Amino acid sequence: MQTSIIYILISVLTSTVGQLLLKKGMNNIGSITLNWGQLVSTVWTIVINPYVFIGLVIYLAGTVFWLAALSRVDLSYAYPFASLGYVIMLVASWLMFDEKITVSRLLGTVIIGIGVLLIYRD
């Protein structure tokens, strides 16, 4: 079980880092609109952005750890741990992107953390 928790936590951390890099890359690119006429050029612009590309690679690495965890524990046990990403993301988004932390976001995140702790103790 301990190895499974390590795999899950690595998956959550790499997924979170991947998402942060994706956001950084998209901030650099700017707002996009998906339409058939410019779809290929838009996707190309996204993919060649180094932050997006590295973010996708890191996110994929997290998926490998997630699959390793799923091979060891029940999905109903593992999946709630994925919500730890919300907890990490709240703080990271505030630090990296100066996003606002409202009382409701903070309260919701604390409730998520408590829920994961309860499942871990099961």
N, C-alpha and C. Protein backbone atom coordinates (compact mmCIF):
# COMPACT_ATOMS: atom_id res chain seq x y z
N MET A 1 0.83 -1.20 0.00
CA MET A 1 0.00 0.00 0.00
C MET A 1 0.86 1.25 0.00
N GLN A 2 1.96 1.24 0.70
CA GLN A 2 2.83 2.42 0.79
C GLN A 2 3.37 2.82 -0.58
N THR A 3 3.77 1.83 -1.39
CA THR A 3 4.26 2.11 -2.73
C THR A 3 3.16 2.75 -3.56
N SER A 4 1.94 2.29 -3.40
CA SER A 4 0.81 2.84 -4.14
C SER A 4 0.61 4.31 -3.81
N ILE A 5 0.70 4.66 -2.54
CA ILE A 5 0.53 6.05 -2.12
C ILE A 5 1.63 6.91 -2.74
N ILE A 6 2.84 6.41 -2.77
CA ILE A 6 3.95 7.16 -3.38
C ILE A 6 3.67 7.39 -4.86
N TYR A 7 3.21 6.34 -5.56
CA TYR A 7 2.87 6.49 -6.97
C TYR A 7 1.76 7.52 -7.17
N ILE A 8 0.76 7.45 -6.32
CA ILE A 8 -0.36 8.40 -6.42
C ILE A 8 0.13 9.83 -6.20
N LEU A 9 0.94 10.04 -5.18
CA LEU A 9 1.43 11.39 -4.88
C LEU A 9 2.33 11.92 -5.98
N ILE A 10 3.18 11.05 -6.55
CA ILE A 10 4.01 11.48 -7.68
C ILE A 10 3.11 11.86 -8.86
N SER A 11 2.08 11.06 -9.09
CA SER A 11 1.15 11.36 -10.17
C SER A 11 0.47 12.72 -9.96
N VAL A 12 0.02 12.96 -8.74
CA VAL A 12 -0.65 14.23 -8.43
C VAL A 12 0.32 15.40 -8.62
N LEU A 13 1.54 15.25 -8.12
CA LEU A 13 2.52 16.34 -8.23
C LEU A 13 2.91 16.61 -9.69
N THR A 14 3.16 15.56 -10.44
CA THR A 14 3.55 15.77 -11.84
C THR A 14 2.38 16.32 -12.66
N SER A 15 1.18 15.88 -12.36
CA SER A 15 0.01 16.42 -13.06
C SER A 15 -0.16 17.91 -12.75
N THR A 16 0.06 18.26 -11.51
CA THR A 16 -0.07 19.67 -11.10
C THR A 16 1.00 20.52 -11.77
N VAL A 17 2.24 20.05 -11.75
CA VAL A 17 3.32 20.80 -12.42
C VAL A 17 3.04 20.91 -13.91
N GLY A 18 2.57 19.81 -14.50
CA GLY A 18 2.22 19.84 -15.91
C GLY A 18 1.16 20.88 -16.21
N GLN A 19 0.12 20.93 -15.38
CA GLN A 19 -0.95 21.92 -15.58
C GLN A 19 -0.44 23.35 -15.41
N LEU A 20 0.45 23.57 -14.45
CA LEU A 20 1.01 24.90 -14.26
C LEU A 20 1.82 25.33 -15.48
N LEU A 21 2.58 24.41 -16.05
CA LEU A 21 3.34 24.73 -17.26
C LEU A 21 2.42 24.97 -18.45
N LEU A 22 1.34 24.19 -18.54
CA LEU A 22 0.37 24.43 -19.61
C LEU A 22 -0.22 25.83 -19.50
N LYS A 23 -0.57 26.23 -18.29
CA LYS A 23 -1.13 27.57 -18.08
C LYS A 23 -0.11 28.66 -18.43
N LYS A 24 1.13 28.47 -18.00
CA LYS A 24 2.18 29.44 -18.32
C LYS A 24 2.33 29.57 -19.84
N GLY A 25 2.36 28.43 -20.52
CA GLY A 25 2.47 28.47 -21.98
C GLY A 25 1.30 29.16 -22.63
N MET A 26 0.10 28.88 -22.16
CA MET A 26 -1.08 29.51 -22.76
C MET A 26 -1.15 30.99 -22.41
N ASN A 27 -0.64 31.38 -21.25
CA ASN A 27 -0.54 32.81 -20.95
C ASN A 27 0.38 33.50 -21.95
N ASN A 28 1.47 32.82 -22.33
CA ASN A 28 2.40 33.38 -23.30
C ASN A 28 1.78 33.47 -24.69
N ILE A 29 0.97 32.49 -25.05
CA ILE A 29 0.33 32.47 -26.36
C ILE A 29 -0.80 33.48 -26.43
N GLY A 30 -1.57 33.55 -25.38
CA GLY A 30 -2.73 34.44 -25.37
C GLY A 30 -4.00 33.66 -25.66
N SER A 31 -5.09 34.38 -25.69
CA SER A 31 -6.40 33.77 -25.89
C SER A 31 -6.49 33.17 -27.29
N ILE A 32 -7.02 31.98 -27.38
CA ILE A 32 -7.18 31.33 -28.68
C ILE A 32 -8.66 31.04 -28.92
N THR A 33 -9.00 30.92 -30.19
CA THR A 33 -10.33 30.51 -30.59
C THR A 33 -10.18 29.32 -31.51
N LEU A 34 -10.92 28.27 -31.23
CA LEU A 34 -10.84 27.07 -32.05
C LEU A 34 -11.88 27.15 -33.17
N ASN A 35 -11.38 27.17 -34.40
CA ASN A 35 -12.27 27.10 -35.55
C ASN A 35 -11.59 26.27 -36.63
N TRP A 36 -12.39 25.66 -37.49
CA TRP A 36 -11.87 24.70 -38.47
C TRP A 36 -10.84 25.34 -39.40
N GLY A 37 -11.02 26.57 -39.77
CA GLY A 37 -10.13 27.22 -40.73
C GLY A 37 -8.71 27.41 -40.22
N GLN A 38 -8.56 27.59 -38.92
CA GLN A 38 -7.24 27.84 -38.35
C GLN A 38 -6.83 26.78 -37.34
N LEU A 39 -7.50 25.64 -37.35
CA LEU A 39 -7.25 24.62 -36.33
C LEU A 39 -5.82 24.11 -36.37
N VAL A 40 -5.32 23.79 -37.55
CA VAL A 40 -3.96 23.23 -37.65
C VAL A 40 -2.93 24.25 -37.19
N SER A 41 -3.05 25.49 -37.62
CA SER A 41 -2.06 26.50 -37.21
C SER A 41 -2.17 26.81 -35.72
N THR A 42 -3.38 26.79 -35.18
CA THR A 42 -3.55 27.03 -33.75
C THR A 42 -2.92 25.90 -32.95
N VAL A 43 -3.20 24.65 -33.33
CA VAL A 43 -2.61 23.51 -32.62
C VAL A 43 -1.09 23.55 -32.73
N TRP A 44 -0.56 23.90 -33.90
CA TRP A 44 0.89 23.99 -34.08
C TRP A 44 1.49 25.05 -33.15
N THR A 45 0.84 26.19 -33.06
CA THR A 45 1.30 27.26 -32.18
C THR A 45 1.34 26.79 -30.73
N ILE A 46 0.33 26.03 -30.34
CA ILE A 46 0.27 25.52 -28.97
C ILE A 46 1.38 24.51 -28.73
N VAL A 47 1.53 23.55 -29.64
CA VAL A 47 2.46 22.45 -29.44
C VAL A 47 3.92 22.90 -29.44
N ILE A 48 4.25 23.91 -30.23
CA ILE A 48 5.66 24.33 -30.28
C ILE A 48 6.04 25.26 -29.13
N ASN A 49 5.07 25.67 -28.34
CA ASN A 49 5.41 26.47 -27.17
C ASN A 49 6.14 25.57 -26.17
N PRO A 50 7.35 25.95 -25.74
CA PRO A 50 8.13 25.06 -24.86
C PRO A 50 7.43 24.75 -23.54
N TYR A 51 6.73 25.70 -22.97
CA TYR A 51 6.04 25.44 -21.70
C TYR A 51 4.92 24.41 -21.90
N VAL A 52 4.18 24.56 -22.97
CA VAL A 52 3.10 23.61 -23.25
C VAL A 52 3.69 22.22 -23.52
N PHE A 53 4.71 22.17 -24.35
CA PHE A 53 5.31 20.88 -24.70
C PHE A 53 5.85 20.16 -23.46
N ILE A 54 6.62 20.86 -22.65
CA ILE A 54 7.18 20.25 -21.44
C ILE A 54 6.07 19.90 -20.45
N GLY A 55 5.06 20.76 -20.37
CA GLY A 55 3.92 20.47 -19.50
C GLY A 55 3.21 19.19 -19.90
N LEU A 56 3.04 18.98 -21.20
CA LEU A 56 2.40 17.75 -21.68
C LEU A 56 3.25 16.52 -21.38
N VAL A 57 4.56 16.65 -21.54
CA VAL A 57 5.46 15.52 -21.25
C VAL A 57 5.40 15.17 -19.77
N ILE A 58 5.44 16.17 -18.91
CA ILE A 58 5.37 15.93 -17.46
C ILE A 58 4.02 15.34 -17.08
N TYR A 59 2.96 15.85 -17.68
CA TYR A 59 1.63 15.33 -17.42
C TYR A 59 1.53 13.86 -17.82
N LEU A 60 2.13 13.52 -18.95
CA LEU A 60 2.16 12.12 -19.41
C LEU A 60 2.93 11.25 -18.43
N ALA A 61 4.04 11.75 -17.91
CA ALA A 61 4.81 10.99 -16.92
C ALA A 61 3.96 10.73 -15.68
N GLY A 62 3.17 11.69 -15.28
CA GLY A 62 2.27 11.51 -14.15
C GLY A 62 1.24 10.42 -14.41
N THR A 63 0.80 10.34 -15.66
CA THR A 63 -0.16 9.31 -16.03
C THR A 63 0.44 7.91 -15.87
N VAL A 64 1.71 7.76 -16.17
CA VAL A 64 2.38 6.46 -16.00
C VAL A 64 2.38 6.05 -14.53
N PHE A 65 2.68 7.00 -13.64
CA PHE A 65 2.65 6.70 -12.21
C PHE A 65 1.23 6.38 -11.74
N TRP A 66 0.25 7.09 -12.31
CA TRP A 66 -1.15 6.84 -11.96
C TRP A 66 -1.54 5.42 -12.35
N LEU A 67 -1.13 4.99 -13.54
CA LEU A 67 -1.44 3.64 -13.98
C LEU A 67 -0.77 2.60 -13.09
N ALA A 68 0.44 2.88 -12.65
CA ALA A 68 1.13 1.97 -11.73
C ALA A 68 0.36 1.87 -10.42
N ALA A 69 -0.15 2.99 -9.95
CA ALA A 69 -0.93 2.97 -8.70
C ALA A 69 -2.22 2.19 -8.89
N LEU A 70 -2.88 2.39 -10.02
CA LEU A 70 -4.15 1.70 -10.26
C LEU A 70 -3.96 0.19 -10.38
N SER A 71 -2.75 -0.22 -10.74
CA SER A 71 -2.50 -1.66 -10.83
C SER A 71 -2.39 -2.29 -9.44
N ARG A 72 -2.32 -1.46 -8.39
CA ARG A 72 -2.09 -1.95 -7.04
C ARG A 72 -3.27 -1.75 -6.08
N VAL A 73 -4.08 -0.73 -6.32
CA VAL A 73 -5.15 -0.41 -5.36
C VAL A 73 -6.47 -0.21 -6.10
N ASP A 74 -7.56 -0.22 -5.34
CA ASP A 74 -8.88 0.03 -5.89
C ASP A 74 -8.97 1.47 -6.41
N LEU A 75 -9.70 1.64 -7.49
CA LEU A 75 -9.92 2.98 -8.05
C LEU A 75 -10.65 3.86 -7.05
N SER A 76 -11.59 3.28 -6.32
CA SER A 76 -12.36 4.06 -5.35
C SER A 76 -11.49 4.55 -4.19
N TYR A 77 -10.35 3.92 -3.99
CA TYR A 77 -9.38 4.39 -2.98
C TYR A 77 -8.45 5.43 -3.59
N ALA A 78 -7.95 5.16 -4.79
CA ALA A 78 -6.95 6.03 -5.42
C ALA A 78 -7.52 7.35 -5.91
N TYR A 79 -8.70 7.31 -6.51
CA TYR A 79 -9.20 8.49 -7.20
C TYR A 79 -9.39 9.72 -6.31
N PRO A 80 -9.88 9.58 -5.10
CA PRO A 80 -10.00 10.77 -4.26
C PRO A 80 -8.65 11.48 -4.02
N PHE A 81 -7.55 10.74 -4.06
CA PHE A 81 -6.24 11.37 -3.88
C PHE A 81 -5.91 12.33 -5.02
N ALA A 82 -6.49 12.10 -6.17
CA ALA A 82 -6.26 13.00 -7.30
C ALA A 82 -6.73 14.41 -6.96
N SER A 83 -7.69 14.52 -6.07
CA SER A 83 -8.19 15.84 -5.69
C SER A 83 -7.17 16.64 -4.88
N LEU A 84 -6.10 16.00 -4.43
CA LEU A 84 -5.03 16.76 -3.77
C LEU A 84 -4.44 17.79 -4.72
N GLY A 85 -4.58 17.53 -6.01
CA GLY A 85 -4.13 18.51 -7.00
C GLY A 85 -4.82 19.86 -6.82
N TYR A 86 -6.09 19.84 -6.38
CA TYR A 86 -6.80 21.10 -6.12
C TYR A 86 -6.14 21.88 -5.00
N VAL A 87 -5.71 21.18 -3.98
CA VAL A 87 -5.06 21.81 -2.84
C VAL A 87 -3.74 22.45 -3.28
N ILE A 88 -2.94 21.67 -3.98
CA ILE A 88 -1.65 22.17 -4.46
C ILE A 88 -1.85 23.32 -5.44
N MET A 89 -2.83 23.16 -6.33
CA MET A 89 -3.06 24.16 -7.37
C MET A 89 -3.50 25.50 -6.80
N LEU A 90 -4.28 25.46 -5.73
CA LEU A 90 -4.73 26.72 -5.12
C LEU A 90 -3.53 27.57 -4.72
N VAL A 91 -2.59 26.96 -4.04
CA VAL A 91 -1.41 27.69 -3.56
C VAL A 91 -0.50 28.05 -4.74
N ALA A 92 -0.26 27.10 -5.63
CA ALA A 92 0.65 27.35 -6.76
C ALA A 92 0.12 28.43 -7.69
N SER A 93 -1.18 28.44 -7.94
CA SER A 93 -1.77 29.48 -8.81
C SER A 93 -1.66 30.86 -8.18
N TRP A 94 -1.81 30.89 -6.88
CA TRP A 94 -1.65 32.15 -6.16
C TRP A 94 -0.21 32.64 -6.25
N LEU A 95 0.75 31.72 -6.05
CA LEU A 95 2.16 32.10 -6.08
C LEU A 95 2.66 32.44 -7.49
N MET A 96 2.28 31.63 -8.46
CA MET A 96 2.82 31.79 -9.81
C MET A 96 2.08 32.81 -10.66
N PHE A 97 0.76 32.86 -10.51
CA PHE A 97 -0.05 33.68 -11.41
C PHE A 97 -0.81 34.79 -10.70
N ASP A 98 -0.53 34.96 -9.41
CA ASP A 98 -1.17 36.00 -8.61
C ASP A 98 -2.70 35.89 -8.65
N GLU A 99 -3.19 34.64 -8.70
CA GLU A 99 -4.63 34.44 -8.69
C GLU A 99 -5.17 34.67 -7.28
N LYS A 100 -6.38 35.13 -7.20
CA LYS A 100 -6.99 35.44 -5.91
C LYS A 100 -7.49 34.17 -5.22
N ILE A 101 -7.28 34.11 -3.92
CA ILE A 101 -7.80 33.02 -3.10
C ILE A 101 -8.98 33.58 -2.32
N THR A 102 -10.18 33.20 -2.74
CA THR A 102 -11.37 33.66 -2.04
C THR A 102 -11.65 32.73 -0.86
N VAL A 103 -12.50 33.19 0.03
CA VAL A 103 -12.86 32.40 1.20
C VAL A 103 -13.52 31.09 0.76
N SER A 104 -14.38 31.15 -0.24
CA SER A 104 -15.06 29.92 -0.67
C SER A 104 -14.08 28.93 -1.32
N ARG A 105 -13.11 29.42 -2.08
CA ARG A 105 -12.09 28.52 -2.65
C ARG A 105 -11.26 27.89 -1.54
N LEU A 106 -10.88 28.69 -0.57
CA LEU A 106 -10.08 28.18 0.54
C LEU A 106 -10.86 27.15 1.35
N LEU A 107 -12.10 27.46 1.67
CA LEU A 107 -12.93 26.54 2.44
C LEU A 107 -13.14 25.23 1.67
N GLY A 108 -13.44 25.32 0.40
CA GLY A 108 -13.64 24.13 -0.42
C GLY A 108 -12.38 23.27 -0.48
N THR A 109 -11.24 23.92 -0.59
CA THR A 109 -9.98 23.19 -0.65
C THR A 109 -9.66 22.51 0.68
N VAL A 110 -9.96 23.16 1.77
CA VAL A 110 -9.75 22.55 3.09
C VAL A 110 -10.66 21.33 3.25
N ILE A 111 -11.88 21.42 2.79
CA ILE A 111 -12.80 20.28 2.86
C ILE A 111 -12.28 19.12 2.03
N ILE A 112 -11.74 19.41 0.86
CA ILE A 112 -11.15 18.37 0.01
C ILE A 112 -10.00 17.69 0.76
N GLY A 113 -9.13 18.49 1.35
CA GLY A 113 -8.00 17.94 2.10
C GLY A 113 -8.45 17.04 3.24
N ILE A 114 -9.48 17.45 3.94
CA ILE A 114 -10.01 16.63 5.03
C ILE A 114 -10.57 15.32 4.47
N GLY A 115 -11.26 15.39 3.35
CA GLY A 115 -11.81 14.19 2.73
C GLY A 115 -10.73 13.19 2.33
N VAL A 116 -9.66 13.68 1.76
CA VAL A 116 -8.55 12.79 1.37
C VAL A 116 -7.93 12.17 2.63
N LEU A 117 -7.78 12.94 3.68
CA LEU A 117 -7.22 12.41 4.92
C LEU A 117 -8.11 11.28 5.47
N LEU A 118 -9.41 11.47 5.42
CA LEU A 118 -10.33 10.43 5.90
C LEU A 118 -10.19 9.15 5.08
N ILE A 119 -10.07 9.29 3.78
CA ILE A 119 -9.92 8.10 2.91
C ILE A 119 -8.58 7.42 3.16
N TYR A 120 -7.52 8.20 3.35
CA TYR A 120 -6.20 7.63 3.62
C TYR A 120 -6.23 6.80 4.88
N ARG A 121 -6.95 7.23 5.87
CA ARG A 121 -7.00 6.52 7.16
C ARG A 121 -7.83 5.26 7.11
N ASP A 122 -8.59 5.08 6.04
CA ASP A 122 -9.48 3.91 5.89
C ASP A 122 -8.70 2.61 5.77
